[in-house]
N, C-alpha and C. Protein backbone atom coordinates (compact mmCIF):
# COMPACT_ATOMS: atom_id res chain seq x y z
N MET A 1 -52.96 -124.66 -186.08
CA MET A 1 -52.80 -126.01 -185.55
C MET A 1 -51.44 -126.58 -185.95
N LYS A 2 -50.41 -125.79 -185.81
CA LYS A 2 -49.08 -126.21 -186.22
C LYS A 2 -48.28 -126.71 -185.02
N GLU A 3 -47.48 -127.76 -185.26
CA GLU A 3 -46.54 -128.23 -184.26
C GLU A 3 -45.21 -127.52 -184.49
N ARG A 4 -44.48 -127.23 -183.41
CA ARG A 4 -43.20 -126.52 -183.52
C ARG A 4 -42.09 -127.34 -182.88
N LEU A 5 -40.92 -127.24 -183.46
CA LEU A 5 -39.75 -127.94 -182.92
C LEU A 5 -39.32 -127.31 -181.59
N HIS A 6 -39.16 -128.16 -180.58
CA HIS A 6 -38.58 -127.72 -179.31
C HIS A 6 -37.08 -128.02 -179.33
N LYS A 7 -36.73 -129.29 -179.61
CA LYS A 7 -35.32 -129.65 -179.79
C LYS A 7 -35.22 -131.02 -180.46
N THR A 8 -34.10 -131.22 -181.14
CA THR A 8 -33.81 -132.51 -181.76
C THR A 8 -33.11 -133.38 -180.73
N LEU A 9 -33.65 -134.58 -180.52
CA LEU A 9 -33.09 -135.52 -179.56
C LEU A 9 -32.04 -136.42 -180.19
N ARG A 10 -32.26 -136.75 -181.47
CA ARG A 10 -31.36 -137.69 -182.15
C ARG A 10 -31.48 -137.49 -183.66
N HIS A 11 -30.34 -137.56 -184.34
CA HIS A 11 -30.36 -137.49 -185.80
C HIS A 11 -29.20 -138.31 -186.33
N THR A 12 -29.50 -139.41 -187.01
CA THR A 12 -28.48 -140.26 -187.60
C THR A 12 -28.70 -140.33 -189.10
N HIS A 13 -27.63 -140.60 -189.83
CA HIS A 13 -27.69 -140.63 -191.29
C HIS A 13 -27.19 -141.97 -191.82
N GLY A 14 -27.91 -142.52 -192.77
CA GLY A 14 -27.47 -143.70 -193.50
C GLY A 14 -27.09 -143.28 -194.91
N LYS A 15 -26.90 -144.25 -195.79
CA LYS A 15 -26.53 -143.96 -197.17
C LYS A 15 -27.67 -143.24 -197.91
N SER A 16 -28.90 -143.66 -197.71
CA SER A 16 -30.04 -143.10 -198.44
C SER A 16 -31.01 -142.30 -197.58
N VAL A 17 -31.15 -142.68 -196.33
CA VAL A 17 -32.11 -142.02 -195.46
C VAL A 17 -31.47 -141.71 -194.11
N GLY A 18 -32.13 -140.85 -193.37
CA GLY A 18 -31.72 -140.55 -192.01
C GLY A 18 -32.86 -140.88 -191.07
N PHE A 19 -32.57 -140.85 -189.79
CA PHE A 19 -33.60 -141.06 -188.78
C PHE A 19 -33.50 -139.91 -187.79
N LYS A 20 -34.65 -139.33 -187.46
CA LYS A 20 -34.67 -138.17 -186.58
C LYS A 20 -35.71 -138.35 -185.49
N GLN A 21 -35.34 -137.95 -184.27
CA GLN A 21 -36.27 -137.89 -183.15
C GLN A 21 -36.30 -136.44 -182.69
N ASP A 22 -37.47 -135.84 -182.78
CA ASP A 22 -37.63 -134.45 -182.37
C ASP A 22 -38.64 -134.36 -181.23
N LEU A 23 -38.35 -133.47 -180.30
CA LEU A 23 -39.30 -133.10 -179.27
C LEU A 23 -40.01 -131.86 -179.80
N ILE A 24 -41.33 -131.94 -179.88
CA ILE A 24 -42.09 -130.85 -180.48
C ILE A 24 -43.08 -130.28 -179.48
N ILE A 25 -43.50 -129.06 -179.78
CA ILE A 25 -44.52 -128.40 -178.97
C ILE A 25 -45.84 -128.49 -179.74
N LEU A 26 -46.83 -129.11 -179.10
CA LEU A 26 -48.15 -129.27 -179.72
C LEU A 26 -48.91 -127.94 -179.70
N PRO A 27 -49.98 -127.82 -180.47
CA PRO A 27 -50.77 -126.58 -180.46
C PRO A 27 -51.32 -126.20 -179.08
N ASN A 28 -51.50 -127.19 -178.21
CA ASN A 28 -52.00 -126.91 -176.86
C ASN A 28 -50.88 -126.59 -175.87
N GLY A 29 -49.62 -126.54 -176.35
CA GLY A 29 -48.48 -126.19 -175.50
C GLY A 29 -47.76 -127.38 -174.88
N LYS A 30 -48.32 -128.58 -174.95
CA LYS A 30 -47.68 -129.77 -174.38
C LYS A 30 -46.58 -130.26 -175.32
N LEU A 31 -45.67 -131.08 -174.76
CA LEU A 31 -44.57 -131.64 -175.54
C LEU A 31 -44.92 -133.06 -176.01
N ALA A 32 -44.39 -133.42 -177.16
CA ALA A 32 -44.55 -134.77 -177.70
C ALA A 32 -43.30 -135.10 -178.52
N GLN A 33 -43.07 -136.38 -178.73
CA GLN A 33 -41.92 -136.82 -179.52
C GLN A 33 -42.39 -137.28 -180.90
N ARG A 34 -41.64 -136.91 -181.93
CA ARG A 34 -41.91 -137.36 -183.29
C ARG A 34 -40.67 -138.09 -183.81
N ASP A 35 -40.85 -139.33 -184.26
CA ASP A 35 -39.78 -140.14 -184.86
C ASP A 35 -40.08 -140.25 -186.35
N TYR A 36 -39.09 -139.96 -187.21
CA TYR A 36 -39.35 -140.01 -188.64
C TYR A 36 -38.06 -140.17 -189.44
N LEU A 37 -38.24 -140.60 -190.67
CA LEU A 37 -37.14 -140.75 -191.61
C LEU A 37 -36.95 -139.45 -192.37
N THR A 38 -35.69 -139.07 -192.58
CA THR A 38 -35.40 -137.93 -193.44
C THR A 38 -34.91 -138.48 -194.78
N HIS A 39 -35.34 -137.86 -195.84
CA HIS A 39 -35.05 -138.34 -197.19
C HIS A 39 -34.91 -137.14 -198.12
N PRO A 40 -33.96 -137.16 -199.05
CA PRO A 40 -33.75 -136.01 -199.92
C PRO A 40 -34.81 -135.83 -201.01
N GLY A 41 -35.69 -136.80 -201.15
CA GLY A 41 -36.69 -136.76 -202.21
C GLY A 41 -36.30 -137.69 -203.34
N ALA A 42 -37.24 -137.91 -204.25
CA ALA A 42 -37.01 -138.87 -205.33
C ALA A 42 -37.83 -138.48 -206.55
N VAL A 43 -37.56 -139.18 -207.63
CA VAL A 43 -38.31 -139.03 -208.87
C VAL A 43 -38.75 -140.40 -209.35
N GLY A 44 -39.79 -140.41 -210.15
CA GLY A 44 -40.24 -141.62 -210.83
C GLY A 44 -40.77 -141.22 -212.18
N VAL A 45 -40.71 -142.14 -213.13
CA VAL A 45 -41.17 -141.81 -214.48
C VAL A 45 -41.99 -142.97 -215.04
N LEU A 46 -43.14 -142.63 -215.61
CA LEU A 46 -43.98 -143.59 -216.32
C LEU A 46 -43.63 -143.44 -217.80
N PRO A 47 -42.76 -144.33 -218.33
CA PRO A 47 -42.31 -144.19 -219.72
C PRO A 47 -43.19 -145.00 -220.68
N PHE A 48 -43.69 -144.35 -221.70
CA PHE A 48 -44.51 -145.00 -222.72
C PHE A 48 -43.64 -145.30 -223.93
N LEU A 49 -43.53 -146.58 -224.26
CA LEU A 49 -42.80 -147.00 -225.45
C LEU A 49 -43.60 -146.64 -226.70
N ASP A 50 -44.91 -146.81 -226.61
CA ASP A 50 -45.85 -146.38 -227.64
C ASP A 50 -47.19 -146.14 -226.95
N ARG A 51 -48.25 -145.98 -227.68
CA ARG A 51 -49.55 -145.66 -227.08
C ARG A 51 -50.08 -146.72 -226.12
N ASN A 52 -49.63 -147.98 -226.32
CA ASN A 52 -50.19 -149.09 -225.55
C ASN A 52 -49.21 -149.86 -224.69
N HIS A 53 -47.97 -149.37 -224.56
CA HIS A 53 -46.97 -150.11 -223.80
C HIS A 53 -46.14 -149.19 -222.91
N VAL A 54 -45.94 -149.65 -221.67
CA VAL A 54 -45.10 -148.92 -220.71
C VAL A 54 -43.90 -149.79 -220.35
N ILE A 55 -42.88 -149.12 -219.83
CA ILE A 55 -41.66 -149.82 -219.41
C ILE A 55 -41.58 -149.79 -217.88
N LEU A 56 -41.42 -150.96 -217.30
CA LEU A 56 -41.21 -151.09 -215.86
C LEU A 56 -39.84 -151.72 -215.62
N VAL A 57 -39.37 -151.59 -214.40
CA VAL A 57 -38.14 -152.26 -214.01
C VAL A 57 -38.45 -153.20 -212.85
N GLY A 58 -37.84 -154.34 -212.88
CA GLY A 58 -37.99 -155.31 -211.81
C GLY A 58 -36.70 -155.39 -211.02
N GLN A 59 -36.84 -155.47 -209.71
CA GLN A 59 -35.65 -155.64 -208.87
C GLN A 59 -36.07 -156.17 -207.50
N TYR A 60 -35.12 -156.81 -206.85
CA TYR A 60 -35.37 -157.35 -205.52
C TYR A 60 -35.28 -156.20 -204.52
N ARG A 61 -36.30 -156.09 -203.65
CA ARG A 61 -36.34 -155.06 -202.62
C ARG A 61 -36.17 -155.74 -201.26
N PHE A 62 -34.99 -155.58 -200.68
CA PHE A 62 -34.66 -156.28 -199.44
C PHE A 62 -35.63 -155.97 -198.29
N PRO A 63 -36.03 -154.70 -198.06
CA PRO A 63 -36.92 -154.45 -196.91
C PRO A 63 -38.22 -155.25 -196.94
N VAL A 64 -38.79 -155.51 -198.12
CA VAL A 64 -40.04 -156.28 -198.20
C VAL A 64 -39.80 -157.73 -198.59
N GLN A 65 -38.53 -158.09 -198.85
CA GLN A 65 -38.14 -159.46 -199.20
C GLN A 65 -38.91 -159.97 -200.42
N LYS A 66 -39.06 -159.11 -201.42
CA LYS A 66 -39.80 -159.48 -202.64
C LYS A 66 -39.14 -158.86 -203.86
N TYR A 67 -39.36 -159.52 -204.99
CA TYR A 67 -39.00 -158.97 -206.29
C TYR A 67 -40.17 -158.10 -206.72
N THR A 68 -39.92 -156.83 -207.02
CA THR A 68 -41.00 -155.90 -207.34
C THR A 68 -40.87 -155.37 -208.76
N TYR A 69 -41.99 -154.96 -209.31
CA TYR A 69 -42.03 -154.26 -210.60
C TYR A 69 -42.47 -152.84 -210.33
N GLU A 70 -41.68 -151.89 -210.86
CA GLU A 70 -41.88 -150.49 -210.55
C GLU A 70 -41.58 -149.63 -211.77
N ILE A 71 -42.05 -148.37 -211.71
CA ILE A 71 -41.60 -147.42 -212.71
C ILE A 71 -40.13 -147.10 -212.42
N PRO A 72 -39.35 -146.73 -213.42
CA PRO A 72 -37.97 -146.31 -213.16
C PRO A 72 -37.99 -145.12 -212.20
N ALA A 73 -37.06 -145.13 -211.25
CA ALA A 73 -37.07 -144.10 -210.21
C ALA A 73 -35.70 -143.99 -209.57
N GLY A 74 -35.53 -142.91 -208.82
CA GLY A 74 -34.28 -142.75 -208.10
C GLY A 74 -34.32 -141.59 -207.14
N LYS A 75 -33.38 -141.60 -206.24
CA LYS A 75 -33.25 -140.59 -205.19
C LYS A 75 -32.62 -139.33 -205.77
N LEU A 76 -33.04 -138.18 -205.26
CA LEU A 76 -32.41 -136.92 -205.64
C LEU A 76 -31.06 -136.81 -204.95
N ASP A 77 -30.04 -136.51 -205.72
CA ASP A 77 -28.72 -136.25 -205.15
C ASP A 77 -28.61 -134.76 -204.86
N LYS A 78 -27.75 -134.43 -203.94
CA LYS A 78 -27.56 -133.03 -203.54
C LYS A 78 -27.24 -132.18 -204.78
N GLY A 79 -27.98 -131.10 -204.94
CA GLY A 79 -27.73 -130.18 -206.04
C GLY A 79 -28.38 -130.57 -207.36
N MET A 80 -29.05 -131.72 -207.41
CA MET A 80 -29.69 -132.18 -208.66
C MET A 80 -31.18 -131.86 -208.62
N SER A 81 -31.69 -131.29 -209.68
CA SER A 81 -33.11 -130.99 -209.77
C SER A 81 -33.89 -132.26 -210.12
N PRO A 82 -35.18 -132.30 -209.78
CA PRO A 82 -36.00 -133.44 -210.19
C PRO A 82 -36.01 -133.62 -211.72
N ASP A 83 -36.08 -132.52 -212.48
CA ASP A 83 -36.10 -132.61 -213.94
C ASP A 83 -34.85 -133.29 -214.50
N LYS A 84 -33.71 -132.95 -213.96
CA LYS A 84 -32.45 -133.55 -214.43
C LYS A 84 -32.33 -135.00 -213.95
N THR A 85 -32.70 -135.23 -212.70
CA THR A 85 -32.58 -136.57 -212.11
C THR A 85 -33.45 -137.58 -212.84
N VAL A 86 -34.68 -137.20 -213.18
CA VAL A 86 -35.59 -138.16 -213.81
C VAL A 86 -35.07 -138.58 -215.19
N ARG A 87 -34.48 -137.68 -215.91
CA ARG A 87 -33.91 -138.02 -217.23
C ARG A 87 -32.75 -139.01 -217.07
N MET A 88 -31.92 -138.74 -216.08
CA MET A 88 -30.77 -139.60 -215.80
C MET A 88 -31.23 -141.00 -215.37
N GLU A 89 -32.24 -141.06 -214.49
CA GLU A 89 -32.71 -142.36 -213.98
C GLU A 89 -33.34 -143.20 -215.09
N LEU A 90 -34.12 -142.58 -215.98
CA LEU A 90 -34.72 -143.34 -217.08
C LEU A 90 -33.62 -143.99 -217.92
N GLN A 91 -32.61 -143.23 -218.28
CA GLN A 91 -31.53 -143.76 -219.11
C GLN A 91 -30.72 -144.81 -218.37
N GLU A 92 -30.37 -144.55 -217.10
CA GLU A 92 -29.57 -145.50 -216.33
C GLU A 92 -30.27 -146.84 -216.17
N GLU A 93 -31.57 -146.81 -215.85
CA GLU A 93 -32.27 -148.04 -215.51
C GLU A 93 -32.85 -148.78 -216.71
N THR A 94 -33.19 -148.07 -217.78
CA THR A 94 -33.83 -148.73 -218.93
C THR A 94 -33.02 -148.61 -220.22
N GLY A 95 -32.11 -147.65 -220.29
CA GLY A 95 -31.38 -147.37 -221.52
C GLY A 95 -32.11 -146.37 -222.42
N TYR A 96 -33.37 -146.13 -222.16
CA TYR A 96 -34.16 -145.26 -223.02
C TYR A 96 -33.96 -143.79 -222.67
N ARG A 97 -34.08 -142.95 -223.69
CA ARG A 97 -34.13 -141.49 -223.54
C ARG A 97 -35.46 -141.05 -224.13
N ALA A 98 -36.02 -139.97 -223.57
CA ALA A 98 -37.32 -139.48 -224.03
C ALA A 98 -37.17 -138.09 -224.64
N LYS A 99 -37.96 -137.84 -225.68
CA LYS A 99 -37.99 -136.51 -226.29
C LYS A 99 -39.04 -135.63 -225.64
N ARG A 100 -40.11 -136.25 -225.12
CA ARG A 100 -41.19 -135.47 -224.51
C ARG A 100 -41.34 -135.85 -223.04
N TRP A 101 -41.39 -134.84 -222.20
CA TRP A 101 -41.51 -135.01 -220.76
C TRP A 101 -42.64 -134.15 -220.24
N ARG A 102 -43.30 -134.64 -219.20
CA ARG A 102 -44.32 -133.84 -218.53
C ARG A 102 -44.37 -134.26 -217.07
N LYS A 103 -44.29 -133.27 -216.19
CA LYS A 103 -44.42 -133.59 -214.77
C LYS A 103 -45.91 -133.77 -214.48
N MET A 104 -46.26 -134.90 -213.87
CA MET A 104 -47.66 -135.19 -213.56
C MET A 104 -48.04 -134.71 -212.17
N LEU A 105 -47.23 -135.03 -211.16
CA LEU A 105 -47.56 -134.68 -209.78
C LEU A 105 -46.37 -134.94 -208.87
N ALA A 106 -46.50 -134.49 -207.64
CA ALA A 106 -45.55 -134.81 -206.58
C ALA A 106 -46.38 -135.21 -205.37
N PHE A 107 -45.89 -136.18 -204.60
CA PHE A 107 -46.64 -136.64 -203.43
C PHE A 107 -45.69 -137.17 -202.35
N TRP A 108 -46.19 -137.14 -201.11
CA TRP A 108 -45.49 -137.75 -199.98
C TRP A 108 -46.03 -139.16 -199.82
N PRO A 109 -45.24 -140.19 -200.01
CA PRO A 109 -45.76 -141.55 -199.87
C PRO A 109 -46.12 -141.91 -198.43
N THR A 110 -45.42 -141.34 -197.45
CA THR A 110 -45.69 -141.67 -196.05
C THR A 110 -45.45 -140.43 -195.18
N ALA A 111 -46.30 -139.43 -195.31
CA ALA A 111 -46.11 -138.15 -194.61
C ALA A 111 -46.12 -138.29 -193.09
N ALA A 112 -46.70 -139.35 -192.57
CA ALA A 112 -46.76 -139.54 -191.12
C ALA A 112 -45.40 -139.84 -190.51
N PHE A 113 -44.47 -140.43 -191.31
CA PHE A 113 -43.18 -140.77 -190.71
C PHE A 113 -41.98 -140.65 -191.65
N ALA A 114 -42.12 -139.87 -192.74
CA ALA A 114 -40.98 -139.65 -193.62
C ALA A 114 -41.12 -138.32 -194.37
N THR A 115 -39.98 -137.70 -194.66
CA THR A 115 -39.98 -136.42 -195.37
C THR A 115 -39.92 -136.59 -196.89
N GLU A 116 -39.81 -137.81 -197.38
CA GLU A 116 -39.65 -138.06 -198.81
C GLU A 116 -40.81 -137.46 -199.62
N LEU A 117 -40.45 -136.72 -200.68
CA LEU A 117 -41.39 -136.20 -201.66
C LEU A 117 -40.99 -136.79 -203.01
N ILE A 118 -41.91 -137.47 -203.68
CA ILE A 118 -41.62 -138.10 -204.98
C ILE A 118 -42.26 -137.28 -206.09
N HIS A 119 -41.44 -136.88 -207.06
CA HIS A 119 -41.87 -136.14 -208.24
C HIS A 119 -42.07 -137.15 -209.37
N VAL A 120 -43.27 -137.19 -209.95
CA VAL A 120 -43.60 -138.21 -210.95
C VAL A 120 -43.81 -137.56 -212.32
N TYR A 121 -43.16 -138.16 -213.31
CA TYR A 121 -43.17 -137.64 -214.67
C TYR A 121 -43.75 -138.66 -215.65
N LEU A 122 -44.15 -138.15 -216.80
CA LEU A 122 -44.58 -138.94 -217.94
C LEU A 122 -43.53 -138.73 -219.02
N ALA A 123 -43.09 -139.81 -219.66
CA ALA A 123 -42.09 -139.72 -220.73
C ALA A 123 -42.62 -140.41 -221.98
N LYS A 124 -42.43 -139.75 -223.12
CA LYS A 124 -42.89 -140.31 -224.41
C LYS A 124 -41.83 -140.06 -225.48
N ASP A 125 -42.06 -140.65 -226.64
CA ASP A 125 -41.12 -140.56 -227.77
C ASP A 125 -39.75 -141.06 -227.34
N LEU A 126 -39.71 -142.34 -226.96
CA LEU A 126 -38.50 -142.95 -226.44
C LEU A 126 -37.60 -143.48 -227.54
N THR A 127 -36.31 -143.37 -227.30
CA THR A 127 -35.33 -144.01 -228.17
C THR A 127 -34.45 -144.90 -227.30
N PRO A 128 -34.16 -146.13 -227.77
CA PRO A 128 -33.39 -147.07 -226.95
C PRO A 128 -31.92 -146.71 -226.89
N GLY A 129 -31.28 -147.21 -225.86
CA GLY A 129 -29.85 -147.02 -225.67
C GLY A 129 -29.34 -148.04 -224.68
N LYS A 130 -28.20 -147.76 -224.11
CA LYS A 130 -27.55 -148.68 -223.19
C LYS A 130 -27.87 -148.31 -221.74
N THR A 131 -28.17 -149.34 -220.94
CA THR A 131 -28.42 -149.10 -219.51
C THR A 131 -27.11 -148.83 -218.79
N ASN A 132 -27.22 -148.20 -217.63
CA ASN A 132 -26.05 -147.92 -216.81
C ASN A 132 -26.47 -147.88 -215.35
N PRO A 133 -26.96 -149.02 -214.81
CA PRO A 133 -27.44 -149.01 -213.42
C PRO A 133 -26.30 -148.81 -212.43
N ASP A 134 -26.67 -148.35 -211.23
CA ASP A 134 -25.69 -148.25 -210.14
C ASP A 134 -25.12 -149.64 -209.88
N GLU A 135 -23.94 -149.71 -209.31
CA GLU A 135 -23.27 -151.01 -209.12
C GLU A 135 -24.02 -151.93 -208.16
N ASP A 136 -24.89 -151.38 -207.31
CA ASP A 136 -25.66 -152.23 -206.40
C ASP A 136 -27.09 -152.47 -206.88
N GLU A 137 -27.37 -152.13 -208.15
CA GLU A 137 -28.70 -152.36 -208.73
C GLU A 137 -28.64 -153.50 -209.74
N PHE A 138 -29.54 -154.44 -209.61
CA PHE A 138 -29.67 -155.55 -210.55
C PHE A 138 -31.09 -155.47 -211.08
N ILE A 139 -31.22 -154.90 -212.26
CA ILE A 139 -32.54 -154.51 -212.79
C ILE A 139 -32.88 -155.31 -214.04
N ASP A 140 -34.14 -155.70 -214.10
CA ASP A 140 -34.72 -156.38 -215.25
C ASP A 140 -35.74 -155.41 -215.87
N THR A 141 -35.55 -155.05 -217.13
CA THR A 141 -36.49 -154.16 -217.81
C THR A 141 -37.63 -154.98 -218.40
N ARG A 142 -38.85 -154.51 -218.18
CA ARG A 142 -40.03 -155.23 -218.64
C ARG A 142 -40.96 -154.28 -219.38
N ILE A 143 -41.38 -154.67 -220.57
CA ILE A 143 -42.36 -153.89 -221.35
C ILE A 143 -43.72 -154.55 -221.17
N LEU A 144 -44.69 -153.76 -220.72
CA LEU A 144 -46.04 -154.27 -220.48
C LEU A 144 -47.05 -153.51 -221.32
N SER A 145 -48.04 -154.24 -221.83
CA SER A 145 -49.17 -153.56 -222.47
C SER A 145 -50.00 -152.93 -221.36
N LEU A 146 -50.82 -151.95 -221.71
CA LEU A 146 -51.70 -151.33 -220.71
C LEU A 146 -52.66 -152.36 -220.14
N ARG A 147 -53.09 -153.30 -220.95
CA ARG A 147 -53.98 -154.36 -220.47
C ARG A 147 -53.26 -155.23 -219.44
N GLU A 148 -51.99 -155.57 -219.71
CA GLU A 148 -51.20 -156.34 -218.75
C GLU A 148 -50.98 -155.55 -217.45
N MET A 149 -50.72 -154.27 -217.61
CA MET A 149 -50.50 -153.42 -216.43
C MET A 149 -51.75 -153.44 -215.54
N ASP A 150 -52.91 -153.28 -216.13
CA ASP A 150 -54.16 -153.34 -215.36
C ASP A 150 -54.31 -154.69 -214.67
N ARG A 151 -54.01 -155.76 -215.38
CA ARG A 151 -54.13 -157.11 -214.82
C ARG A 151 -53.14 -157.31 -213.67
N TRP A 152 -51.91 -156.87 -213.84
CA TRP A 152 -50.91 -157.00 -212.78
C TRP A 152 -51.31 -156.23 -211.53
N ILE A 153 -51.90 -155.05 -211.72
CA ILE A 153 -52.35 -154.27 -210.56
C ILE A 153 -53.48 -155.00 -209.85
N ARG A 154 -54.47 -155.47 -210.60
CA ARG A 154 -55.61 -156.18 -210.00
C ARG A 154 -55.16 -157.43 -209.24
N LYS A 155 -54.18 -158.14 -209.78
CA LYS A 155 -53.70 -159.38 -209.15
C LYS A 155 -52.69 -159.14 -208.02
N GLY A 156 -52.31 -157.89 -207.80
CA GLY A 156 -51.36 -157.59 -206.73
C GLY A 156 -49.91 -157.83 -207.11
N LYS A 157 -49.63 -158.01 -208.39
CA LYS A 157 -48.25 -158.22 -208.83
C LYS A 157 -47.47 -156.90 -208.79
N ILE A 158 -48.20 -155.79 -208.85
CA ILE A 158 -47.60 -154.46 -208.67
C ILE A 158 -48.18 -153.90 -207.39
N GLN A 159 -47.30 -153.65 -206.41
CA GLN A 159 -47.73 -153.10 -205.12
C GLN A 159 -46.97 -151.84 -204.73
N ASP A 160 -46.05 -151.43 -205.54
CA ASP A 160 -45.24 -150.25 -205.26
C ASP A 160 -46.10 -148.99 -205.38
N SER A 161 -46.09 -148.15 -204.34
CA SER A 161 -47.00 -147.00 -204.31
C SER A 161 -46.74 -145.99 -205.43
N LYS A 162 -45.48 -145.68 -205.72
CA LYS A 162 -45.22 -144.67 -206.76
C LYS A 162 -45.68 -145.17 -208.12
N THR A 163 -45.57 -146.47 -208.35
CA THR A 163 -46.00 -147.05 -209.62
C THR A 163 -47.51 -147.02 -209.73
N LEU A 164 -48.20 -147.42 -208.67
CA LEU A 164 -49.66 -147.39 -208.67
C LEU A 164 -50.17 -145.96 -208.83
N ILE A 165 -49.61 -145.03 -208.09
CA ILE A 165 -50.06 -143.64 -208.17
C ILE A 165 -49.78 -143.07 -209.55
N ALA A 166 -48.59 -143.30 -210.09
CA ALA A 166 -48.26 -142.76 -211.41
C ALA A 166 -49.21 -143.29 -212.48
N TYR A 167 -49.41 -144.60 -212.49
CA TYR A 167 -50.25 -145.21 -213.53
C TYR A 167 -51.72 -144.81 -213.37
N LEU A 168 -52.23 -144.88 -212.17
CA LEU A 168 -53.64 -144.55 -211.96
C LEU A 168 -53.90 -143.06 -212.17
N PHE A 169 -52.95 -142.20 -211.81
CA PHE A 169 -53.09 -140.77 -212.08
C PHE A 169 -53.10 -140.52 -213.59
N TRP A 170 -52.15 -141.16 -214.30
CA TRP A 170 -52.11 -141.03 -215.76
C TRP A 170 -53.45 -141.48 -216.37
N LYS A 171 -53.92 -142.63 -215.92
CA LYS A 171 -55.14 -143.19 -216.47
C LYS A 171 -56.34 -142.25 -216.23
N GLN A 172 -56.38 -141.62 -215.08
CA GLN A 172 -57.50 -140.72 -214.73
C GLN A 172 -57.40 -139.38 -215.47
N HIS A 173 -56.18 -138.87 -215.66
CA HIS A 173 -56.02 -137.50 -216.16
C HIS A 173 -55.41 -137.35 -217.55
N PHE A 174 -54.77 -138.38 -218.07
CA PHE A 174 -54.05 -138.22 -219.33
C PHE A 174 -54.41 -139.23 -220.41
N SER A 175 -55.09 -140.31 -220.07
CA SER A 175 -55.36 -141.36 -221.08
C SER A 175 -56.47 -140.95 -222.03
């Protein structure tokens, strides 16, 4: 039951994502069009300051017109592995470095219309340092207790999918 590419109708590239329109052949032999975003992939990290506190970053997200709280994360650059990228993103966005790392999972946040795959890690044994965000990032670092994190999720203060998935996966499998 696989769809096959017949031809690409359009492919444009932006700074972070691309847009593609493909004409595909359905399993029954008919043609259909698929419109989707192309993305190089990303990483996210759930950093534990200690047994009861996690570090989140807050920033304004223009597409949703809201200030959001999220786990530190970033896009994969060409030639960079998820393992290397996640270490760099944690330090850039929070200033912290971790001695212990564990990959928890990888998931497609929107497989119906984007190629993005997010690799999610757990980081522990943190040591503080200096932040170094990208020049277009204005980030607020926030330390939350696990109780606060649960409350923020219930109240809808955290709505970012990678953050919800990372925390709830950790809670189900690692807590």
